[in-house]
Amino acid sequence: RQGMTDGPDVRQLERALTALGHDGAM
C-alpha cells in the first residue's frame, strides 16, 4: 500500500504494472 518504502516486493509490483501498461507517472 501507499507509503511503503522498504521492499523489493514494491519494486517488482511496479515493474509488472509498467510491463502491463499501467505505469503513468510511476
PDB file of all heavy atoms in Angstrom:
ATOM      1  N   ARG A   1       0.833  -1.207   0.000  1.00  0.00           N
ATOM      2  CA  ARG A   1       0.000   0.000   0.000  1.00  0.00           C
ATOM      3  C   ARG A   1       0.866   1.255   0.000  1.00  0.00           C
ATOM      4  O   ARG A   1       2.080   1.192   0.216  1.00  0.00           O
ATOM      5  CB  ARG A   1      -0.918   0.010   1.216  1.00  0.00           C
ATOM      6  CG  ARG A   1      -0.192  -0.105   2.544  1.00  0.00           C
ATOM      7  CD  ARG A   1      -1.153   0.164   3.709  1.00  0.00           C
ATOM      8  NE  ARG A   1      -2.251  -0.769   3.738  1.00  0.00           N
ATOM      9  CZ  ARG A   1      -2.261  -1.890   4.440  1.00  0.00           C
ATOM     10  NH1 ARG A   1      -1.187  -2.243   5.149  1.00  0.00           N
ATOM     11  NH2 ARG A   1      -3.322  -2.665   4.445  1.00  0.00           N
ATOM     12  N   GLN A   2       0.205   2.374  -0.218  1.00  0.00           N
ATOM     13  CA  GLN A   2       0.886   3.661  -0.303  1.00  0.00           C
ATOM     14  C   GLN A   2       1.659   3.966   0.977  1.00  0.00           C
ATOM     15  O   GLN A   2       1.181   3.721   2.081  1.00  0.00           O
ATOM     16  CB  GLN A   2      -0.122   4.783  -0.582  1.00  0.00           C
ATOM     17  CG  GLN A   2       0.508   6.144  -0.829  1.00  0.00           C
ATOM     18  CD  GLN A   2      -0.514   7.150  -1.308  1.00  0.00           C
ATOM     19  OE1 GLN A   2      -1.365   6.827  -2.127  1.00  0.00           O
ATOM     20  NE2 GLN A   2      -0.416   8.391  -0.817  1.00  0.00           N
ATOM     21  N   GLY A   3       2.872   4.500   0.777  1.00  0.00           N
ATOM     22  CA  GLY A   3       3.716   4.871   1.911  1.00  0.00           C
ATOM     23  C   GLY A   3       4.852   3.909   2.169  1.00  0.00           C
ATOM     24  O   GLY A   3       5.812   4.255   2.866  1.00  0.00           O
ATOM     25  N   MET A   4       4.775   2.698   1.638  1.00  0.00           N
ATOM     26  CA  MET A   4       5.862   1.742   1.837  1.00  0.00           C
ATOM     27  C   MET A   4       7.101   2.186   1.058  1.00  0.00           C
ATOM     28  O   MET A   4       7.002   2.627  -0.078  1.00  0.00           O
ATOM     29  CB  MET A   4       5.448   0.344   1.380  1.00  0.00           C
ATOM     30  CG  MET A   4       4.418  -0.297   2.274  1.00  0.00           C
ATOM     31  SD  MET A   4       4.005  -1.971   1.707  1.00  0.00           S
ATOM     32  CE  MET A   4       3.076  -2.562   3.122  1.00  0.00           C
ATOM     33  N   THR A   5       8.251   2.045   1.696  1.00  0.00           N
ATOM     34  CA  THR A   5       9.489   2.499   1.061  1.00  0.00           C
ATOM     35  C   THR A   5      10.639   1.500   1.199  1.00  0.00           C
ATOM     36  O   THR A   5      11.788   1.842   0.926  1.00  0.00           O
ATOM     37  CB  THR A   5       9.950   3.828   1.713  1.00  0.00           C
ATOM     38  OG1 THR A   5      10.173   3.623   3.116  1.00  0.00           O
ATOM     39  CG2 THR A   5       8.926   4.920   1.503  1.00  0.00           C
ATOM     40  N   ASP A   6      10.329   0.292   1.618  1.00  0.00           N
ATOM     41  CA  ASP A   6      11.432  -0.596   2.015  1.00  0.00           C
ATOM     42  C   ASP A   6      11.300  -2.019   1.491  1.00  0.00           C
ATOM     43  O   ASP A   6      11.394  -2.965   2.249  1.00  0.00           O
ATOM     44  CB  ASP A   6      11.519  -0.657   3.542  1.00  0.00           C
ATOM     45  CG  ASP A   6      10.229  -1.192   4.153  1.00  0.00           C
ATOM     46  OD1 ASP A   6       9.206  -1.210   3.451  1.00  0.00           O
ATOM     47  OD2 ASP A   6      10.262  -1.612   5.318  1.00  0.00           O
ATOM     48  N   GLY A   7      11.121  -2.227   0.188  1.00  0.00           N
ATOM     49  CA  GLY A   7      10.996  -3.614  -0.214  1.00  0.00           C
ATOM     50  C   GLY A   7      11.149  -3.895  -1.684  1.00  0.00           C
ATOM     51  O   GLY A   7      10.655  -3.140  -2.537  1.00  0.00           O
ATOM     52  N   PRO A   8      11.841  -4.997  -2.021  1.00  0.00           N
ATOM     53  CA  PRO A   8      11.900  -5.441  -3.416  1.00  0.00           C
ATOM     54  C   PRO A   8      10.541  -5.884  -3.932  1.00  0.00           C
ATOM     55  O   PRO A   8      10.341  -5.923  -5.150  1.00  0.00           O
ATOM     56  CB  PRO A   8      12.890  -6.609  -3.369  1.00  0.00           C
ATOM     57  CG  PRO A   8      12.872  -7.088  -1.957  1.00  0.00           C
ATOM     58  CD  PRO A   8      12.620  -5.883  -1.124  1.00  0.00           C
ATOM     59  N   ASP A   9       9.596  -6.227  -3.028  1.00  0.00           N
ATOM     60  CA  ASP A   9       8.263  -6.614  -3.478  1.00  0.00           C
ATOM     61  C   ASP A   9       7.525  -5.414  -4.079  1.00  0.00           C
ATOM     62  O   ASP A   9       6.734  -5.571  -5.020  1.00  0.00           O
ATOM     63  CB  ASP A   9       7.455  -7.244  -2.345  1.00  0.00           C
ATOM     64  CG  ASP A   9       7.452  -6.421  -1.069  1.00  0.00           C
ATOM     65  OD1 ASP A   9       8.233  -5.444  -0.978  1.00  0.00           O
ATOM     66  OD2 ASP A   9       6.687  -6.768  -0.142  1.00  0.00           O
ATOM     67  N   VAL A  10       7.808  -4.204  -3.566  1.00  0.00           N
ATOM     68  CA  VAL A  10       7.221  -2.997  -4.155  1.00  0.00           C
ATOM     69  C   VAL A  10       7.800  -2.767  -5.543  1.00  0.00           C
ATOM     70  O   VAL A  10       7.077  -2.488  -6.504  1.00  0.00           O
ATOM     71  CB  VAL A  10       7.475  -1.772  -3.255  1.00  0.00           C
ATOM     72  CG1 VAL A  10       6.976  -0.491  -3.950  1.00  0.00           C
ATOM     73  CG2 VAL A  10       6.784  -1.940  -1.914  1.00  0.00           C
ATOM     74  N   ARG A  11       9.113  -2.929  -5.664  1.00  0.00           N
ATOM     75  CA  ARG A  11       9.771  -2.738  -6.957  1.00  0.00           C
ATOM     76  C   ARG A  11       9.224  -3.715  -8.000  1.00  0.00           C
ATOM     77  O   ARG A  11       8.940  -3.324  -9.134  1.00  0.00           O
ATOM     78  CB  ARG A  11      11.282  -2.914  -6.819  1.00  0.00           C
ATOM     79  CG  ARG A  11      12.024  -2.747  -8.146  1.00  0.00           C
ATOM     80  CD  ARG A  11      13.507  -3.048  -7.962  1.00  0.00           C
ATOM     81  NE  ARG A  11      14.137  -2.072  -7.097  1.00  0.00           N
ATOM     82  CZ  ARG A  11      14.623  -0.900  -7.516  1.00  0.00           C
ATOM     83  NH1 ARG A  11      14.537  -0.583  -8.805  1.00  0.00           N
ATOM     84  NH2 ARG A  11      15.194  -0.073  -6.679  1.00  0.00           N
ATOM     85  N   GLN A  12       9.046  -4.996  -7.644  1.00  0.00           N
ATOM     86  CA  GLN A  12       8.581  -5.963  -8.641  1.00  0.00           C
ATOM     87  C   GLN A  12       7.125  -5.708  -9.009  1.00  0.00           C
ATOM     88  O   GLN A  12       6.722  -5.953 -10.155  1.00  0.00           O
ATOM     89  CB  GLN A  12       8.794  -7.393  -8.156  1.00  0.00           C
ATOM     90  CG  GLN A  12       7.865  -7.885  -7.096  1.00  0.00           C
ATOM     91  CD  GLN A  12       8.130  -9.338  -6.698  1.00  0.00           C
ATOM     92  OE1 GLN A  12       9.118  -9.952  -7.089  1.00  0.00           O
ATOM     93  NE2 GLN A  12       7.223  -9.894  -5.913  1.00  0.00           N
ATOM     94  N   LEU A  13       6.323  -5.191  -8.081  1.00  0.00           N
ATOM     95  CA  LEU A  13       4.944  -4.819  -8.417  1.00  0.00           C
ATOM     96  C   LEU A  13       4.952  -3.675  -9.422  1.00  0.00           C
ATOM     97  O   LEU A  13       4.236  -3.714 -10.429  1.00  0.00           O
ATOM     98  CB  LEU A  13       4.180  -4.411  -7.162  1.00  0.00           C
ATOM     99  CG  LEU A  13       2.777  -3.809  -7.401  1.00  0.00           C
ATOM    100  CD1 LEU A  13       1.844  -4.847  -8.029  1.00  0.00           C
ATOM    101  CD2 LEU A  13       2.191  -3.273  -6.096  1.00  0.00           C
ATOM    102  N   GLU A  14       5.768  -2.666  -9.167  1.00  0.00           N
ATOM    103  CA  GLU A  14       5.824  -1.529 -10.083  1.00  0.00           C
ATOM    104  C   GLU A  14       6.366  -1.950 -11.457  1.00  0.00           C
ATOM    105  O   GLU A  14       5.897  -1.456 -12.491  1.00  0.00           O
ATOM    106  CB  GLU A  14       6.703  -0.432  -9.474  1.00  0.00           C
ATOM    107  CG  GLU A  14       6.073   0.218  -8.235  1.00  0.00           C
ATOM    108  CD  GLU A  14       6.988   1.205  -7.560  1.00  0.00           C
ATOM    109  OE1 GLU A  14       8.235   1.076  -7.706  1.00  0.00           O
ATOM    110  OE2 GLU A  14       6.471   2.115  -6.879  1.00  0.00           O
ATOM    111  N   ARG A  15       7.330  -2.855 -11.461  1.00  0.00           N
ATOM    112  CA  ARG A  15       7.868  -3.334 -12.735  1.00  0.00           C
ATOM    113  C   ARG A  15       6.794  -4.082 -13.521  1.00  0.00           C
ATOM    114  O   ARG A  15       6.675  -3.923 -14.748  1.00  0.00           O
ATOM    115  CB  ARG A  15       9.067  -4.236 -12.481  1.00  0.00           C
ATOM    116  CG  ARG A  15       9.760  -4.692 -13.756  1.00  0.00           C
ATOM    117  CD  ARG A  15      10.951  -5.589 -13.462  1.00  0.00           C
ATOM    118  NE  ARG A  15      12.024  -4.871 -12.788  1.00  0.00           N
ATOM    119  CZ  ARG A  15      12.444  -5.108 -11.548  1.00  0.00           C
ATOM    120  NH1 ARG A  15      11.862  -6.064 -10.819  1.00  0.00           N
ATOM    121  NH2 ARG A  15      13.436  -4.422 -11.033  1.00  0.00           N
ATOM    122  N   ALA A  16       5.992  -4.911 -12.827  1.00  0.00           N
ATOM    123  CA  ALA A  16       4.930  -5.661 -13.502  1.00  0.00           C
ATOM    124  C   ALA A  16       3.843  -4.726 -14.020  1.00  0.00           C
ATOM    125  O   ALA A  16       3.345  -4.901 -15.148  1.00  0.00           O
ATOM    126  CB  ALA A  16       4.337  -6.689 -12.547  1.00  0.00           C
ATOM    127  N   LEU A  17       3.477  -3.723 -13.232  1.00  0.00           N
ATOM    128  CA  LEU A  17       2.461  -2.770 -13.672  1.00  0.00           C
ATOM    129  C   LEU A  17       2.935  -2.021 -14.914  1.00  0.00           C
ATOM    130  O   LEU A  17       2.159  -1.780 -15.848  1.00  0.00           O
ATOM    131  CB  LEU A  17       2.146  -1.781 -12.551  1.00  0.00           C
ATOM    132  CG  LEU A  17       1.392  -2.360 -11.346  1.00  0.00           C
ATOM    133  CD1 LEU A  17       1.355  -1.357 -10.198  1.00  0.00           C
ATOM    134  CD2 LEU A  17      -0.031  -2.768 -11.734  1.00  0.00           C
ATOM    135  N   THR A  18       4.220  -1.680 -14.956  1.00  0.00           N
ATOM    136  CA  THR A  18       4.780  -0.999 -16.129  1.00  0.00           C
ATOM    137  C   THR A  18       4.701  -1.899 -17.357  1.00  0.00           C
ATOM    138  O   THR A  18       4.319  -1.450 -18.452  1.00  0.00           O
ATOM    139  CB  THR A  18       6.237  -0.599 -15.855  1.00  0.00           C
ATOM    140  OG1 THR A  18       6.284   0.307 -14.751  1.00  0.00           O
ATOM    141  CG2 THR A  18       6.849   0.056 -17.084  1.00  0.00           C
ATOM    142  N   ALA A  19       5.054  -3.184 -17.190  1.00  0.00           N
ATOM    143  CA  ALA A  19       5.006  -4.133 -18.304  1.00  0.00           C
ATOM    144  C   ALA A  19       3.589  -4.314 -18.821  1.00  0.00           C
ATOM    145  O   ALA A  19       3.385  -4.591 -20.014  1.00  0.00           O
ATOM    146  CB  ALA A  19       5.585  -5.472 -17.871  1.00  0.00           C
ATOM    147  N   LEU A  20       2.599  -4.137 -17.946  1.00  0.00           N
ATOM    148  CA  LEU A  20       1.198  -4.312 -18.333  1.00  0.00           C
ATOM    149  C   LEU A  20       0.552  -3.010 -18.811  1.00  0.00           C
ATOM    150  O   LEU A  20      -0.651  -2.973 -19.084  1.00  0.00           O
ATOM    151  CB  LEU A  20       0.397  -4.888 -17.147  1.00  0.00           C
ATOM    152  CG  LEU A  20       0.781  -6.313 -16.739  1.00  0.00           C
ATOM    153  CD1 LEU A  20       0.085  -6.711 -15.433  1.00  0.00           C
ATOM    154  CD2 LEU A  20       0.431  -7.302 -17.844  1.00  0.00           C
ATOM    155  N   GLY A  21       1.354  -1.950 -18.896  1.00  0.00           N
ATOM    156  CA  GLY A  21       0.847  -0.695 -19.459  1.00  0.00           C
ATOM    157  C   GLY A  21       0.172   0.212 -18.471  1.00  0.00           C
ATOM    158  O   GLY A  21      -0.583   1.104 -18.876  1.00  0.00           O
ATOM    159  N   HIS A  22       0.426   0.048 -17.176  1.00  0.00           N
ATOM    160  CA  HIS A  22      -0.224   0.869 -16.151  1.00  0.00           C
ATOM    161  C   HIS A  22       0.792   1.692 -15.371  1.00  0.00           C
ATOM    162  O   HIS A  22       0.672   1.882 -14.157  1.00  0.00           O
ATOM    163  CB  HIS A  22      -1.017  -0.014 -15.183  1.00  0.00           C
ATOM    164  CG  HIS A  22      -2.108  -0.806 -15.832  1.00  0.00           C
ATOM    165  ND1 HIS A  22      -3.250  -0.223 -16.355  1.00  0.00           N
ATOM    166  CD2 HIS A  22      -2.229  -2.137 -16.065  1.00  0.00           C
ATOM    167  CE1 HIS A  22      -4.032  -1.154 -16.875  1.00  0.00           C
ATOM    168  NE2 HIS A  22      -3.436  -2.329 -16.711  1.00  0.00           N
ATOM    169  N   ASP A  23       1.811   2.222 -16.044  1.00  0.00           N
ATOM    170  CA  ASP A  23       2.852   2.949 -15.335  1.00  0.00           C
ATOM    171  C   ASP A  23       2.476   4.388 -15.036  1.00  0.00           C
ATOM    172  O   ASP A  23       2.700   4.881 -13.936  1.00  0.00           O
ATOM    173  CB  ASP A  23       4.163   2.901 -16.125  1.00  0.00           C
ATOM    174  CG  ASP A  23       3.970   3.292 -17.592  1.00  0.00           C
ATOM    175  OD1 ASP A  23       2.832   3.240 -18.073  1.00  0.00           O
ATOM    176  OD2 ASP A  23       4.966   3.642 -18.241  1.00  0.00           O
ATOM    177  N   GLY A  24       1.892   5.101 -16.001  1.00  0.00           N
ATOM    178  CA  GLY A  24       1.530   6.501 -15.779  1.00  0.00           C
ATOM    179  C   GLY A  24       2.752   7.311 -15.388  1.00  0.00           C
ATOM    180  O   GLY A  24       3.787   7.280 -16.049  1.00  0.00           O
ATOM    181  N   ALA A  25       2.648   8.025 -14.238  1.00  0.00           N
ATOM    182  CA  ALA A  25       3.756   8.847 -13.746  1.00  0.00           C
ATOM    183  C   ALA A  25       4.599   8.086 -12.729  1.00  0.00           C
ATOM    184  O   ALA A  25       5.458   8.676 -12.070  1.00  0.00           O
ATOM    185  CB  ALA A  25       3.212  10.133 -13.121  1.00  0.00           C
ATOM    186  N   MET A  26       4.375   6.804 -12.605  1.00  0.00           N
ATOM    187  CA  MET A  26       5.046   5.997 -11.581  1.00  0.00           C
ATOM    188  C   MET A  26       6.506   5.757 -11.934  1.00  0.00           C
ATOM    189  O   MET A  26       6.864   5.551 -13.088  1.00  0.00           O
ATOM    190  CB  MET A  26       4.311   4.656 -11.444  1.00  0.00           C
ATOM    191  CG  MET A  26       4.907   3.690 -10.452  1.00  0.00           C
ATOM    192  SD  MET A  26       3.985   2.122 -10.483  1.00  0.00           S
ATOM    193  CE  MET A  26       4.336   1.549 -12.146  1.00  0.00           C
TER     194      MET A  26
END
